[in-house]
Amino acid sequence: PVLESDKDSNILIYWTGHGGDQFFKFQDVEEIMAADIAAVFRQMHLNGMYREILFVADTCQAFTLGDKITAPNVTILGSSLKGESSYAYGSNTVLGLAPVERYTHALAERLNQGGGKYLQESIQTGMIDPFSFEYLSAHIGVKDDLAKRKVTEARISDFFVNVQSGRRPGQQQQHHQHQLTQQGDLKLL
């Protein structure tokens, strides 16, 4: 699969699973290191593949996955800091494990409430502030010094809502204002 994006694309990269200090594991077989992630983002920037990236990690020591990122216009959010664990939510007796992390579950529950109204919140208001240390047993880490917009300015819907303008990558982007209807559907204006 190839990411079909261009200089006008906002990209959400959301990883949840097993990780540690500057690494993420895929099914306990392969690892990707923070330096590899940084190299991919650098290459994406050089190739004009994005306008902004929101990189969210929900793993143990999640925030360390962004330690090496230097590419511009990248916001990094991690569900736990170095030395902290990220805890699972619930369990599945058929699978014999918890299928979702606590932060990911709580975020999904919040975003699905209210017919999509929370998608219009800033990243700070909707993805950070509602989730306390008491609930997560970890501190959320945020790095937005590389980004054009701070987490208090960028909206969740800038990354979590797919706005199709009928264009193909490389074609001129048509800029649309959009809003969510009460049913949670995206409406182009």
Protein backbone atom coordinates (compact mmCIF):
# COMPACT_ATOMS: atom_id res chain seq x y z
CA PRO A 1 0.00 0.00 0.00
CA VAL A 2 1.14 3.49 -0.87
CA LEU A 3 0.09 6.62 0.98
CA GLU A 4 -1.51 8.85 -1.63
CA SER A 5 -0.98 12.23 -0.06
CA ASP A 6 0.50 15.56 -1.03
CA LYS A 7 1.59 18.91 0.40
CA ASP A 8 -2.04 19.74 1.28
CA SER A 9 -2.73 16.56 3.27
CA ASN A 10 -3.21 16.34 7.01
CA ILE A 11 -2.22 12.87 8.16
CA LEU A 12 -3.16 11.01 11.33
CA ILE A 13 -0.79 8.24 12.37
CA TYR A 14 -2.17 6.37 15.37
CA TRP A 15 -0.30 3.45 16.93
CA THR A 16 -1.47 1.37 19.84
CA GLY A 17 0.07 -1.80 21.18
CA HIS A 18 3.32 -2.86 22.78
CA GLY A 19 6.22 -0.46 23.05
CA GLY A 20 9.04 0.74 25.23
CA ASP A 21 11.76 3.36 25.35
CA GLN A 22 11.95 4.52 21.69
CA PHE A 23 10.54 1.33 20.13
CA PHE A 24 7.20 -0.11 18.97
CA LYS A 25 6.65 -3.84 18.50
CA PHE A 26 4.52 -5.46 15.82
CA GLN A 27 2.98 -8.67 17.20
CA ASP A 28 6.09 -9.26 19.35
CA VAL A 29 8.04 -10.12 16.19
CA GLU A 30 9.34 -6.92 14.58
CA GLU A 31 10.29 -3.57 16.05
CA ILE A 32 10.46 -0.08 14.68
CA MET A 33 12.70 2.39 16.47
CA ALA A 34 12.13 6.10 17.11
CA ALA A 35 15.00 6.91 14.71
CA ASP A 36 13.21 4.93 11.94
CA ILE A 37 9.97 6.84 12.54
CA ALA A 38 11.88 10.13 12.38
CA ALA A 39 13.54 9.07 9.12
CA VAL A 40 10.15 8.26 7.56
CA PHE A 41 8.71 11.63 8.59
CA ARG A 42 11.81 13.42 7.26
CA GLN A 43 11.44 11.63 3.92
CA MET A 44 7.73 12.42 3.80
CA HIS A 45 8.55 16.10 4.34
CA LEU A 46 11.23 16.11 1.64
CA ASN A 47 8.78 14.47 -0.78
CA GLY A 48 6.01 17.01 -0.02
CA MET A 49 3.67 14.31 1.29
CA TYR A 50 1.90 16.31 4.01
CA ARG A 51 0.86 19.67 5.36
CA GLU A 52 0.61 18.47 8.98
CA ILE A 53 0.99 15.15 10.79
CA LEU A 54 -0.62 14.20 14.08
CA PHE A 55 1.34 11.24 15.47
CA VAL A 56 -0.46 9.53 18.38
CA ALA A 57 1.08 6.60 20.25
CA ASP A 58 -0.65 4.56 22.95
CA THR A 59 1.97 2.17 24.31
CA CYS A 60 4.19 1.91 27.33
CA GLN A 61 6.63 4.83 27.19
CA ALA A 62 4.68 6.03 24.13
CA PHE A 63 5.97 9.60 24.10
CA THR A 64 9.55 8.39 23.53
CA LEU A 65 8.55 7.28 20.01
CA GLY A 66 8.70 10.95 19.06
CA ASP A 67 12.10 11.65 20.63
CA LYS A 68 13.97 11.71 17.30
CA ILE A 69 11.38 13.48 15.13
CA THR A 70 12.67 16.75 13.68
CA ALA A 71 10.52 17.06 10.54
CA PRO A 72 8.43 20.24 10.50
CA ASN A 73 4.67 20.40 11.08
CA VAL A 74 4.46 17.26 13.19
CA THR A 75 2.53 17.14 16.47
CA ILE A 76 3.37 14.23 18.78
CA LEU A 77 1.03 12.89 21.44
CA GLY A 78 1.95 9.91 23.65
CA SER A 79 -0.27 8.26 26.25
CA SER A 80 2.65 7.73 28.65
CA LEU A 81 6.06 9.25 29.34
CA LYS A 82 9.45 7.53 29.60
CA GLY A 83 9.37 5.05 32.48
CA GLU A 84 5.55 4.88 32.52
CA SER A 85 3.26 2.06 31.44
CA SER A 86 0.17 2.34 29.30
CA TYR A 87 -2.57 0.12 30.66
CA ALA A 88 -5.14 -2.03 28.92
CA TYR A 89 -8.89 -1.60 29.18
CA GLY A 90 -10.97 -4.66 29.99
CA SER A 91 -10.24 -8.14 28.73
CA ASN A 92 -11.47 -10.60 26.13
CA THR A 93 -11.68 -14.20 27.30
CA VAL A 94 -11.75 -15.54 23.73
CA LEU A 95 -8.55 -13.71 22.79
CA GLY A 96 -7.04 -14.14 26.23
CA LEU A 97 -5.94 -10.51 26.37
CA ALA A 98 -7.18 -6.95 26.46
CA PRO A 99 -7.97 -5.83 22.90
CA VAL A 100 -7.61 -2.09 23.53
CA GLU A 101 -5.50 0.28 25.58
CA ARG A 102 -7.13 2.51 28.22
CA TYR A 103 -6.35 5.82 26.48
CA THR A 104 -7.52 4.58 23.06
CA HIS A 105 -10.75 3.23 24.55
CA ALA A 106 -11.50 6.44 26.45
CA LEU A 107 -10.70 8.61 23.43
CA ALA A 108 -12.91 6.52 21.13
CA GLU A 109 -15.76 6.65 23.65
CA ARG A 110 -15.45 10.43 23.91
CA LEU A 111 -15.26 11.03 20.14
CA ASN A 112 -18.29 8.81 19.54
CA GLN A 113 -20.44 10.75 22.02
CA GLY A 114 -22.64 13.65 21.05
CA GLY A 115 -22.97 12.93 17.34
CA GLY A 116 -19.44 14.04 16.55
CA LYS A 117 -19.49 17.37 18.39
CA TYR A 118 -16.23 16.55 20.17
CA LEU A 119 -14.43 16.31 16.83
CA GLN A 120 -14.67 20.09 16.63
CA GLU A 121 -12.65 20.55 19.81
CA SER A 122 -8.98 21.42 19.84
CA ILE A 123 -6.53 18.57 20.31
CA GLN A 124 -5.77 20.01 23.77
CA THR A 125 -9.42 20.15 24.83
CA GLY A 126 -10.53 16.85 23.29
CA MET A 127 -7.52 14.52 23.36
CA ILE A 128 -5.47 15.65 26.37
CA ASP A 129 -7.43 17.53 29.04
CA PRO A 130 -10.20 14.91 29.62
CA PHE A 131 -7.75 12.12 30.51
CA SER A 132 -6.29 12.42 33.97
CA PHE A 133 -3.31 10.67 35.49
CA GLU A 134 -5.75 9.10 37.95
CA TYR A 135 -7.58 7.38 35.10
CA LEU A 136 -4.61 6.52 32.86
CA SER A 137 -1.98 5.95 35.59
CA ALA A 138 0.35 7.79 33.21
CA HIS A 139 0.99 11.32 31.99
CA ILE A 140 0.13 12.30 28.42
CA GLY A 141 3.13 13.76 26.60
CA VAL A 142 2.70 16.42 23.93
CA LYS A 143 5.20 18.00 21.58
CA ASP A 144 3.96 20.69 19.22
CA ASP A 145 7.02 22.92 18.86
CA LEU A 146 7.60 21.54 15.34
CA ALA A 147 3.99 22.20 14.29
CA LYS A 148 2.46 25.19 12.49
CA ARG A 149 -0.44 25.14 14.92
CA LYS A 150 -0.33 24.35 18.59
CA VAL A 151 -2.58 21.70 20.16
CA THR A 152 -4.75 24.54 21.47
CA GLU A 153 -5.41 25.67 17.85
CA ALA A 154 -5.62 22.50 15.73
CA ARG A 155 -8.99 20.75 15.75
CA ILE A 156 -9.42 17.01 16.11
CA SER A 157 -11.47 17.00 12.89
CA ASP A 158 -8.42 18.32 11.01
CA PHE A 159 -7.02 14.80 11.35
CA PHE A 160 -9.85 12.41 12.29
CA VAL A 161 -12.35 13.40 9.58
CA ASN A 162 -11.85 12.44 5.96
CA VAL A 163 -12.74 15.33 3.67
CA GLN A 164 -12.82 14.15 0.07
CA SER A 165 -12.73 16.92 -2.48
CA GLY A 166 -12.83 14.70 -5.55
CA ARG A 167 -9.19 15.39 -6.36
CA ARG A 168 -6.33 13.00 -6.91
CA PRO A 169 -2.90 13.49 -5.33
CA GLY A 170 -0.98 16.12 -7.26
CA GLN A 171 -4.11 17.93 -8.40
CA GLN A 172 -4.94 21.37 -7.04
CA GLN A 173 -6.82 21.08 -3.76
CA GLN A 174 -10.27 22.60 -3.55
CA HIS A 175 -10.59 24.22 -0.14
CA HIS A 176 -13.90 23.50 1.54
CA GLN A 177 -15.25 24.63 4.83
CA HIS A 178 -16.95 21.75 6.58
CA GLN A 179 -19.06 21.05 9.59
CA LEU A 180 -20.42 18.00 11.33
CA THR A 181 -24.18 17.56 11.33
CA GLN A 182 -26.03 16.53 14.47
CA GLN A 183 -25.92 12.95 13.20
CA GLY A 184 -22.13 13.11 13.02
CA ASP A 185 -22.00 13.21 9.21
CA LEU A 186 -19.57 15.58 7.57
CA LYS A 187 -21.23 18.29 5.48
CA LEU A 188 -19.25 20.35 2.97
CA LEU A 189 -20.23 24.02 2.80
